[in-house]
Amino acid sequence: MLAIIGGSGLTQLANLNVIRREVVRTPYGEPSGALTFGQLCEHPVVFLARHGYGHTIPPHRVNYQANLWALKEAAVEIIISVASVGGIRADMCPGTLVVPDQIIDYTWGRKNTFHEGTDEPVVHIDFTEPYDAAVRRRILAAAAAAGEKVFDGAVYAATQGPRLETAAEINRLERDGADVVGMTGMPEAALARELGIPYAAINVVANYAAGRADSSQRICFDSIETALHEAMGRARKVLDHLCSV
């Protein structure tokens, strides 16, 4: 079964044929919402809105442990994250779809492992390639089949939020090698790796990051909504094609 975690701009899948919704309790508390089970192009899918179905949970308050544990309990085999980001690189303009291949984690204070009990041994995971290569290939193939242009590879900078970054912070991220910036990529990717669930992401560029192009002086939230709505429609199209093969 495929799991899709939707971020800002994707709190539901319009084409999902809903079969049931299930409230899940986990050892780590409650997930962001009920799991929605259904079929997308006749492929079994479970959907979870990362920020809650009313978009009420800020990035630093998302219970990533509970979300990933609930999906594991639902026996999902693949997780695809859909998340909005800011474009740092000049060619990653609003409306662009990106399939990242690397992460830099700038978050702090988030529960970022399932292995932290006092009687548990220390567990290290290999995180050299944070996104699953096979799942990335499936996304890229689906985008090609859908006729949608996507960037193959980018460095995702995960920041704490919920505020957006300063121009100086974006300059720092660029010097560090980041191409896009978001707030939810970590610890989600690492927790999926701990659970052994292949995980990859579709990033939707909602705006230029602070200090870049039309965000050089300020970020216009009205234009973010417009760009996000259009690009999320294209991301849904990619997901449809991914589920139809």
Protein backbone atom coordinates (compact mmCIF):
# COMPACT_ATOMS: atom_id res chain seq x y z
CA MET A 1 0.00 0.00 0.00
CA LEU A 2 1.14 3.52 -0.82
CA ALA A 3 0.97 6.27 1.80
CA ILE A 4 0.79 9.93 0.83
CA ILE A 5 1.51 12.56 3.45
CA GLY A 6 0.06 15.89 2.33
CA GLY A 7 1.45 19.21 3.49
CA SER A 8 0.36 22.81 3.01
CA GLY A 9 -1.90 22.99 -0.02
CA LEU A 10 -2.68 19.26 0.01
CA THR A 11 -5.00 18.48 2.91
CA GLN A 12 -7.03 16.05 0.79
CA LEU A 13 -6.80 14.07 -2.45
CA ALA A 14 -9.64 15.13 -4.71
CA ASN A 15 -9.51 11.99 -6.84
CA LEU A 16 -9.26 9.56 -3.93
CA ASN A 17 -12.13 7.09 -3.79
CA VAL A 18 -12.49 7.02 0.00
CA ILE A 19 -13.30 3.64 1.54
CA ARG A 20 -12.90 4.39 5.23
CA ARG A 21 -11.25 6.63 7.80
CA GLU A 22 -9.49 5.20 10.81
CA VAL A 23 -8.45 6.92 14.02
CA VAL A 24 -5.18 5.38 15.19
CA ARG A 25 -3.65 5.45 18.65
CA THR A 26 0.12 5.00 18.92
CA PRO A 27 2.67 4.67 21.74
CA TYR A 28 3.78 8.17 20.75
CA GLY A 29 0.45 9.91 20.98
CA GLU A 30 -2.05 10.88 18.33
CA PRO A 31 -1.22 11.39 14.66
CA SER A 32 -2.13 14.60 12.89
CA GLY A 33 -5.50 13.13 12.02
CA ALA A 34 -7.38 10.03 11.01
CA LEU A 35 -5.89 7.89 8.27
CA THR A 36 -7.98 8.04 5.10
CA PHE A 37 -7.99 4.74 3.21
CA GLY A 38 -9.10 4.57 -0.40
CA GLN A 39 -8.16 3.97 -3.99
CA LEU A 40 -6.38 6.32 -6.38
CA CYS A 41 -6.66 5.09 -9.97
CA GLU A 42 -7.66 1.71 -8.44
CA HIS A 43 -4.43 1.58 -6.43
CA PRO A 44 -4.79 1.22 -2.63
CA VAL A 45 -3.70 4.41 -0.89
CA VAL A 46 -3.73 5.78 2.63
CA PHE A 47 -3.64 9.55 3.01
CA LEU A 48 -2.63 11.63 6.02
CA ALA A 49 -2.74 15.42 6.27
CA ARG A 50 0.51 16.37 8.03
CA HIS A 51 -0.86 19.59 9.51
CA GLY A 52 -4.30 18.16 10.29
CA TYR A 53 -7.30 18.27 8.01
CA GLY A 54 -8.00 21.84 9.08
CA HIS A 55 -4.33 22.82 8.67
CA THR A 56 -4.06 23.69 12.36
CA ILE A 57 -0.77 22.04 13.38
CA PRO A 58 2.39 24.12 12.84
CA PRO A 59 5.53 22.38 11.55
CA HIS A 60 7.33 22.24 14.90
CA ARG A 61 4.27 20.75 16.63
CA VAL A 62 3.58 17.94 14.16
CA ASN A 63 3.79 14.58 15.93
CA TYR A 64 6.10 12.99 13.37
CA GLN A 65 6.64 9.89 15.50
CA ALA A 66 2.92 9.18 15.76
CA ASN A 67 2.35 9.87 12.06
CA LEU A 68 5.03 7.46 10.90
CA TRP A 69 4.14 4.81 13.47
CA ALA A 70 0.48 4.93 12.41
CA LEU A 71 1.46 4.41 8.79
CA LYS A 72 3.70 1.52 9.77
CA GLU A 73 0.78 -0.07 11.65
CA ALA A 74 -1.32 0.36 8.50
CA ALA A 75 1.22 -1.84 6.69
CA VAL A 76 2.21 0.80 4.13
CA GLU A 77 5.07 -0.20 1.86
CA ILE A 78 5.99 3.21 0.41
CA ILE A 79 5.60 6.78 1.67
CA ILE A 80 5.52 9.83 -0.59
CA SER A 81 5.64 13.21 1.08
CA VAL A 82 4.14 16.22 -0.69
CA ALA A 83 5.30 19.51 0.80
CA SER A 84 5.50 23.16 -0.17
CA VAL A 85 8.91 24.85 -0.16
CA GLY A 86 10.61 28.13 -0.91
CA GLY A 87 12.91 28.29 -3.90
CA ILE A 88 16.47 29.33 -3.13
CA ARG A 89 18.02 28.49 -6.49
CA ALA A 90 17.09 30.99 -9.18
CA ASP A 91 15.70 28.38 -11.58
CA MET A 92 13.41 26.89 -8.92
CA CYS A 93 10.70 29.47 -9.34
CA PRO A 94 7.16 29.42 -7.90
CA GLY A 95 5.13 26.58 -9.38
CA THR A 96 8.13 24.30 -9.89
CA LEU A 97 7.94 20.64 -8.88
CA VAL A 98 11.10 19.21 -7.32
CA VAL A 99 12.08 15.66 -6.35
CA PRO A 100 14.84 16.25 -3.78
CA ASP A 101 17.69 13.85 -3.20
CA GLN A 102 19.39 15.35 -0.13
CA ILE A 103 18.52 17.05 3.16
CA ILE A 104 20.26 19.41 5.54
CA ASP A 105 18.57 19.47 8.96
CA TYR A 106 18.41 22.80 10.82
CA THR A 107 15.54 21.82 13.11
CA TRP A 108 15.89 21.46 16.87
CA GLY A 109 13.95 20.03 19.79
CA ARG A 110 11.85 17.65 17.69
CA LYS A 111 11.39 14.00 18.62
CA ASN A 112 13.65 12.56 15.94
CA THR A 113 14.06 8.87 16.81
CA PHE A 114 12.07 5.89 18.02
CA HIS A 115 15.10 4.62 19.97
CA GLU A 116 15.55 6.83 23.02
CA GLY A 117 14.25 4.78 25.95
CA THR A 118 16.50 4.49 28.99
CA ASP A 119 16.79 0.72 28.56
CA GLU A 120 17.13 0.72 24.79
CA PRO A 121 20.43 0.32 22.93
CA VAL A 122 21.61 3.18 20.75
CA VAL A 123 20.50 2.69 17.14
CA HIS A 124 22.25 4.33 14.19
CA ILE A 125 20.77 4.41 10.69
CA ASP A 126 22.61 4.98 7.44
CA PHE A 127 21.28 8.28 6.12
CA THR A 128 23.80 8.89 3.35
CA GLU A 129 20.95 8.94 0.83
CA PRO A 130 17.92 10.17 2.80
CA TYR A 131 15.40 9.51 0.03
CA ASP A 132 14.78 6.05 -1.39
CA ALA A 133 16.27 5.81 -4.90
CA ALA A 134 13.66 3.40 -6.24
CA VAL A 135 10.74 5.55 -5.05
CA ARG A 136 12.37 8.64 -6.53
CA ARG A 137 12.63 6.85 -9.88
CA ARG A 138 8.95 5.95 -9.72
CA ILE A 139 8.02 9.59 -9.10
CA LEU A 140 10.21 10.80 -11.96
CA ALA A 141 8.76 8.18 -14.32
CA ALA A 142 5.21 9.16 -13.31
CA ALA A 143 6.01 12.83 -13.93
CA ALA A 144 7.35 12.00 -17.39
CA ALA A 145 4.23 9.95 -18.15
CA ALA A 146 2.06 12.84 -16.97
CA GLY A 147 3.98 15.31 -19.13
CA GLU A 148 4.96 17.32 -16.07
CA LYS A 149 8.42 18.85 -15.80
CA VAL A 150 10.14 18.20 -12.48
CA PHE A 151 13.63 18.88 -11.18
CA ASP A 152 15.49 15.63 -10.59
CA GLY A 153 17.52 16.27 -7.45
CA ALA A 154 17.82 19.15 -5.00
CA VAL A 155 19.09 19.78 -1.50
CA TYR A 156 16.21 20.42 0.91
CA ALA A 157 16.96 22.60 3.92
CA ALA A 158 14.66 21.74 6.84
CA THR A 159 14.16 24.74 9.12
CA GLN A 160 12.31 25.01 12.41
CA GLY A 161 9.47 27.36 11.53
CA PRO A 162 6.74 28.35 11.81
CA ARG A 163 8.12 31.74 10.80
CA LEU A 164 9.71 32.11 7.40
CA GLU A 165 13.42 32.76 7.19
CA THR A 166 15.33 36.04 7.04
CA ALA A 167 17.21 36.97 3.87
CA ALA A 168 20.48 36.46 5.75
CA GLU A 169 19.40 32.96 6.79
CA ILE A 170 18.59 32.10 3.19
CA ASN A 171 22.02 33.37 2.16
CA ARG A 172 23.51 31.00 4.72
CA LEU A 173 21.44 28.07 3.46
CA GLU A 174 22.58 28.81 -0.08
CA ARG A 175 26.22 28.85 1.03
CA ASP A 176 25.58 25.48 2.70
CA GLY A 177 24.40 24.10 -0.64
CA ALA A 178 20.61 24.17 -0.18
CA ASP A 179 18.33 24.59 -3.21
CA VAL A 180 14.92 24.72 -1.51
CA VAL A 181 13.76 25.37 2.03
CA GLY A 182 10.88 23.83 3.99
CA MET A 183 9.88 23.03 7.56
CA THR A 184 8.66 19.44 7.62
CA GLY A 185 11.24 17.27 5.86
CA MET A 186 12.87 16.32 9.14
CA PRO A 187 12.56 14.24 11.25
CA GLU A 188 9.94 12.67 8.97
CA ALA A 189 12.46 11.20 6.51
CA ALA A 190 14.69 9.84 9.26
CA LEU A 191 11.81 8.23 11.15
CA ALA A 192 10.65 6.50 7.98
CA ARG A 193 14.18 5.16 7.55
CA GLU A 194 14.20 3.86 11.15
CA LEU A 195 10.97 1.99 10.43
CA GLY A 196 12.32 0.60 7.18
CA ILE A 197 9.69 2.25 4.97
CA PRO A 198 10.96 3.54 1.60
CA TYR A 199 10.34 7.30 1.54
CA ALA A 200 10.66 10.05 -1.06
CA ALA A 201 9.21 13.50 -1.62
CA ILE A 202 7.61 15.82 -4.13
CA ASN A 203 8.38 19.44 -3.25
CA VAL A 204 6.14 22.18 -4.62
CA VAL A 205 7.82 25.58 -4.84
CA ALA A 206 5.27 28.06 -3.51
CA ASN A 207 7.46 31.19 -3.52
CA TYR A 208 10.97 32.43 -3.88
CA ALA A 209 12.75 32.32 -0.52
CA ALA A 210 13.41 35.54 1.39
CA GLY A 211 15.72 37.94 -0.40
CA ARG A 212 15.29 36.24 -3.77
CA ALA A 213 13.63 37.64 -6.93
CA ASP A 214 10.12 38.93 -6.15
CA SER A 215 10.69 38.10 -2.47
CA SER A 216 13.67 40.46 -2.28
CA GLN A 217 11.85 42.88 0.06
CA ARG A 218 8.98 40.82 1.40
CA ILE A 219 7.09 37.61 0.69
CA CYS A 220 3.62 38.08 -0.75
CA PHE A 221 1.31 35.50 0.79
CA ASP A 222 -1.44 36.13 -1.76
CA SER A 223 0.83 35.05 -4.60
CA ILE A 224 1.87 31.98 -2.58
CA GLU A 225 -1.72 30.75 -2.50
CA THR A 226 -2.10 31.20 -6.24
CA ALA A 227 1.15 29.40 -7.11
CA LEU A 228 0.50 26.64 -4.61
CA HIS A 229 -3.00 25.91 -5.85
CA GLU A 230 -1.87 25.55 -9.47
CA ALA A 231 1.25 23.51 -8.70
CA MET A 232 -0.52 21.16 -6.29
CA GLY A 233 -2.90 20.29 -9.11
CA ARG A 234 0.12 19.21 -11.15
CA ALA A 235 1.50 17.24 -8.20
CA ARG A 236 -1.84 15.41 -7.95
CA LYS A 237 -1.54 14.58 -11.64
CA VAL A 238 1.87 13.01 -11.00
CA LEU A 239 0.42 10.98 -8.13
CA ASP A 240 -2.43 9.80 -10.36
CA HIS A 241 0.03 8.54 -12.94
CA LEU A 242 2.17 6.92 -10.27
CA CYS A 243 -0.84 4.96 -9.06
CA SER A 244 -1.99 4.00 -12.54
CA VAL A 245 1.07 1.93 -13.45
